[in-house]
Amino acid sequence: MARKNYIFTNKEHPKKSIMSTILGVLSVGSLILAVYLSYVDKGKENIQYGSACFLALIFAFIGVTLGVFGRMEKDKFYLFSYIGIVLNLVAIGLVSLILYAGALL
C-alpha cells in the first residue's frame, strides 16, 4: 500500500501579488491592443492609444510596487509575486520600446 505524503500548510498567496499579476495582464494586454489598433489605422496618431499606454505605464509601476511588497511578506507563496513583477516589467519595457521607436522616427 503506497504511503501518501501530504503537507498541510497555512500559506496563501498575498493579495498584493494577485493584484500585481492582474495589473500586469491589463498593462501588457492594453499595450498590445494599442499597438495593434494603431497598426490597423496605418499609424495614425490617436490620443486614445497614447492615453491607454500612459495608463498602462502607471498600472505597471503600481504593479511592480505591489509585487515587491507581496514578495516581502513572510510565510506566503510567491508565484504570483514573480509573475506580477515580470509582467509589469515587460509592460514598462514595451512602453520604453514604443517611446524609443517614436524618437527614431
C-alpha atoms as a PDB file:
ATOM      1  CA  MET A   1       0.000   0.000   0.000  1.00  0.00           C
ATOM      2  CA  ALA A   2       1.500   3.303  -1.082  1.00  0.00           C
ATOM      3  CA  ARG A   3       2.019   5.864   1.585  1.00  0.00           C
ATOM      4  CA  LYS A   4       0.738   9.300   0.625  1.00  0.00           C
ATOM      5  CA  ASN A   5       2.676  12.280   1.828  1.00  0.00           C
ATOM      6  CA  TYR A   6       0.501  15.295   2.333  1.00  0.00           C
ATOM      7  CA  ILE A   7       1.872  18.562   3.531  1.00  0.00           C
ATOM      8  CA  PHE A   8      -0.671  20.738   5.230  1.00  0.00           C
ATOM      9  CA  THR A   9       0.206  24.393   5.425  1.00  0.00           C
ATOM     10  CA  ASN A  10      -1.458  27.664   6.192  1.00  0.00           C
ATOM     11  CA  LYS A  11       0.400  29.520   3.442  1.00  0.00           C
ATOM     12  CA  GLU A  12      -1.605  31.557   0.968  1.00  0.00           C
ATOM     13  CA  HIS A  13      -0.975  33.886  -1.940  1.00  0.00           C
ATOM     14  CA  PRO A  14      -0.676  37.531  -0.905  1.00  0.00           C
ATOM     15  CA  LYS A  15      -3.480  39.736  -2.182  1.00  0.00           C
ATOM     16  CA  LYS A  16      -0.911  42.335  -3.255  1.00  0.00           C
ATOM     17  CA  SER A  17       0.756  39.771  -5.501  1.00  0.00           C
ATOM     18  CA  ILE A  18      -2.510  38.733  -7.089  1.00  0.00           C
ATOM     19  CA  MET A  19      -3.346  42.386  -7.761  1.00  0.00           C
ATOM     20  CA  SER A  20       0.127  42.865  -9.219  1.00  0.00           C
ATOM     21  CA  THR A  21      -0.475  39.992 -11.639  1.00  0.00           C
ATOM     22  CA  ILE A  22      -3.870  41.392 -12.640  1.00  0.00           C
ATOM     23  CA  LEU A  23      -2.357  44.824 -13.274  1.00  0.00           C
ATOM     24  CA  GLY A  24       0.434  43.221 -15.301  1.00  0.00           C
ATOM     25  CA  VAL A  25      -2.019  41.348 -17.506  1.00  0.00           C
ATOM     26  CA  LEU A  26      -4.066  44.524 -18.006  1.00  0.00           C
ATOM     27  CA  SER A  27      -0.972  46.569 -18.822  1.00  0.00           C
ATOM     28  CA  VAL A  28       0.540  44.143 -21.316  1.00  0.00           C
ATOM     29  CA  GLY A  29      -2.850  43.446 -22.887  1.00  0.00           C
ATOM     30  CA  SER A  30      -3.711  47.109 -23.344  1.00  0.00           C
ATOM     31  CA  LEU A  31      -0.280  47.871 -24.788  1.00  0.00           C
ATOM     32  CA  ILE A  32      -0.527  45.043 -27.309  1.00  0.00           C
ATOM     33  CA  LEU A  33      -4.052  46.130 -28.214  1.00  0.00           C
ATOM     34  CA  ALA A  34      -2.993  49.778 -28.618  1.00  0.00           C
ATOM     35  CA  VAL A  35      -0.098  48.824 -30.905  1.00  0.00           C
ATOM     36  CA  TYR A  36      -2.320  46.527 -32.943  1.00  0.00           C
ATOM     37  CA  LEU A  37      -5.080  49.134 -33.334  1.00  0.00           C
ATOM     38  CA  SER A  38      -2.515  51.747 -34.292  1.00  0.00           C
ATOM     39  CA  TYR A  39      -1.169  49.354 -36.920  1.00  0.00           C
ATOM     40  CA  VAL A  40      -4.680  48.760 -38.259  1.00  0.00           C
ATOM     41  CA  ASP A  41      -5.182  52.552 -38.502  1.00  0.00           C
ATOM     42  CA  LYS A  42      -1.983  52.707 -40.593  1.00  0.00           C
ATOM     43  CA  GLY A  43      -0.040  54.547 -37.894  1.00  0.00           C
ATOM     44  CA  LYS A  44      -2.405  57.477 -37.480  1.00  0.00           C
ATOM     45  CA  GLU A  45      -1.922  59.370 -34.272  1.00  0.00           C
ATOM     46  CA  ASN A  46      -4.786  58.807 -31.887  1.00  0.00           C
ATOM     47  CA  ILE A  47      -4.908  60.335 -28.425  1.00  0.00           C
ATOM     48  CA  GLN A  48      -6.847  57.342 -27.090  1.00  0.00           C
ATOM     49  CA  TYR A  49      -3.984  54.949 -27.800  1.00  0.00           C
ATOM     50  CA  GLY A  50      -1.483  57.277 -26.186  1.00  0.00           C
ATOM     51  CA  SER A  51      -3.576  57.690 -23.063  1.00  0.00           C
ATOM     52  CA  ALA A  52      -4.100  53.905 -22.876  1.00  0.00           C
ATOM     53  CA  CYS A  53      -0.313  53.435 -22.996  1.00  0.00           C
ATOM     54  CA  PHE A  54       0.182  56.094 -20.328  1.00  0.00           C
ATOM     55  CA  LEU A  55      -2.405  54.441 -18.098  1.00  0.00           C
ATOM     56  CA  ALA A  56      -0.757  51.066 -18.700  1.00  0.00           C
ATOM     57  CA  LEU A  57       2.573  52.572 -17.629  1.00  0.00           C
ATOM     58  CA  ILE A  58       1.033  53.847 -14.399  1.00  0.00           C
ATOM     59  CA  PHE A  59      -0.541  50.418 -13.793  1.00  0.00           C
ATOM     60  CA  ALA A  60       2.827  48.773 -14.443  1.00  0.00           C
ATOM     61  CA  PHE A  61       4.661  50.920 -11.888  1.00  0.00           C
ATOM     62  CA  ILE A  62       1.955  50.243  -9.302  1.00  0.00           C
ATOM     63  CA  GLY A  63       2.068  46.540 -10.186  1.00  0.00           C
ATOM     64  CA  VAL A  64       5.830  46.308  -9.701  1.00  0.00           C
ATOM     65  CA  THR A  65       5.481  48.003  -6.327  1.00  0.00           C
ATOM     66  CA  LEU A  66       2.692  45.660  -5.244  1.00  0.00           C
ATOM     67  CA  GLY A  67       4.654  42.632  -6.471  1.00  0.00           C
ATOM     68  CA  VAL A  68       7.705  43.623  -4.471  1.00  0.00           C
ATOM     69  CA  PHE A  69       5.636  44.281  -1.358  1.00  0.00           C
ATOM     70  CA  GLY A  70       3.878  40.945  -1.811  1.00  0.00           C
ATOM     71  CA  ARG A  71       7.251  39.208  -2.147  1.00  0.00           C
ATOM     72  CA  MET A  72       8.479  40.741   1.099  1.00  0.00           C
ATOM     73  CA  GLU A  73       5.683  39.112   3.134  1.00  0.00           C
ATOM     74  CA  LYS A  74       6.793  36.125   5.200  1.00  0.00           C
ATOM     75  CA  ASP A  75       5.392  32.585   5.004  1.00  0.00           C
ATOM     76  CA  LYS A  76       3.488  33.087   1.742  1.00  0.00           C
ATOM     77  CA  PHE A  77       3.527  31.577  -1.710  1.00  0.00           C
ATOM     78  CA  TYR A  78       5.491  33.780  -4.104  1.00  0.00           C
ATOM     79  CA  LEU A  79       4.355  32.563  -7.541  1.00  0.00           C
ATOM     80  CA  PHE A  80       2.030  35.493  -8.209  1.00  0.00           C
ATOM     81  CA  SER A  81       4.667  37.915  -6.923  1.00  0.00           C
ATOM     82  CA  TYR A  82       7.150  36.745  -9.526  1.00  0.00           C
ATOM     83  CA  ILE A  83       4.575  36.613 -12.323  1.00  0.00           C
ATOM     84  CA  GLY A  84       3.325  40.111 -11.464  1.00  0.00           C
ATOM     85  CA  ILE A  85       6.794  41.615 -11.296  1.00  0.00           C
ATOM     86  CA  VAL A  86       7.813  40.066 -14.639  1.00  0.00           C
ATOM     87  CA  LEU A  87       4.610  41.092 -16.429  1.00  0.00           C
ATOM     88  CA  ASN A  88       4.832  44.652 -15.171  1.00  0.00           C
ATOM     89  CA  LEU A  89       8.498  44.936 -16.105  1.00  0.00           C
ATOM     90  CA  VAL A  90       7.609  43.656 -19.580  1.00  0.00           C
ATOM     91  CA  ALA A  91       4.937  46.367 -19.808  1.00  0.00           C
ATOM     92  CA  ILE A  92       7.451  49.043 -18.787  1.00  0.00           C
ATOM     93  CA  GLY A  93       9.873  47.659 -21.369  1.00  0.00           C
ATOM     94  CA  LEU A  94       7.195  47.759 -24.079  1.00  0.00           C
ATOM     95  CA  VAL A  95       6.380  51.407 -23.328  1.00  0.00           C
ATOM     96  CA  SER A  96      10.090  52.216 -23.385  1.00  0.00           C
ATOM     97  CA  LEU A  97      10.419  50.442 -26.727  1.00  0.00           C
ATOM     98  CA  ILE A  98       7.442  52.345 -28.162  1.00  0.00           C
ATOM     99  CA  LEU A  99       8.894  55.665 -26.996  1.00  0.00           C
ATOM    100  CA  TYR A 100      12.339  54.804 -28.354  1.00  0.00           C
ATOM    101  CA  ALA A 101      10.912  53.779 -31.712  1.00  0.00           C
ATOM    102  CA  GLY A 102       8.911  57.010 -31.834  1.00  0.00           C
ATOM    103  CA  ALA A 103      12.003  59.078 -31.083  1.00  0.00           C
ATOM    104  CA  LEU A 104      13.863  57.495 -34.001  1.00  0.00           C
ATOM    105  CA  LEU A 105      11.187  58.477 -36.490  1.00  0.00           C
END
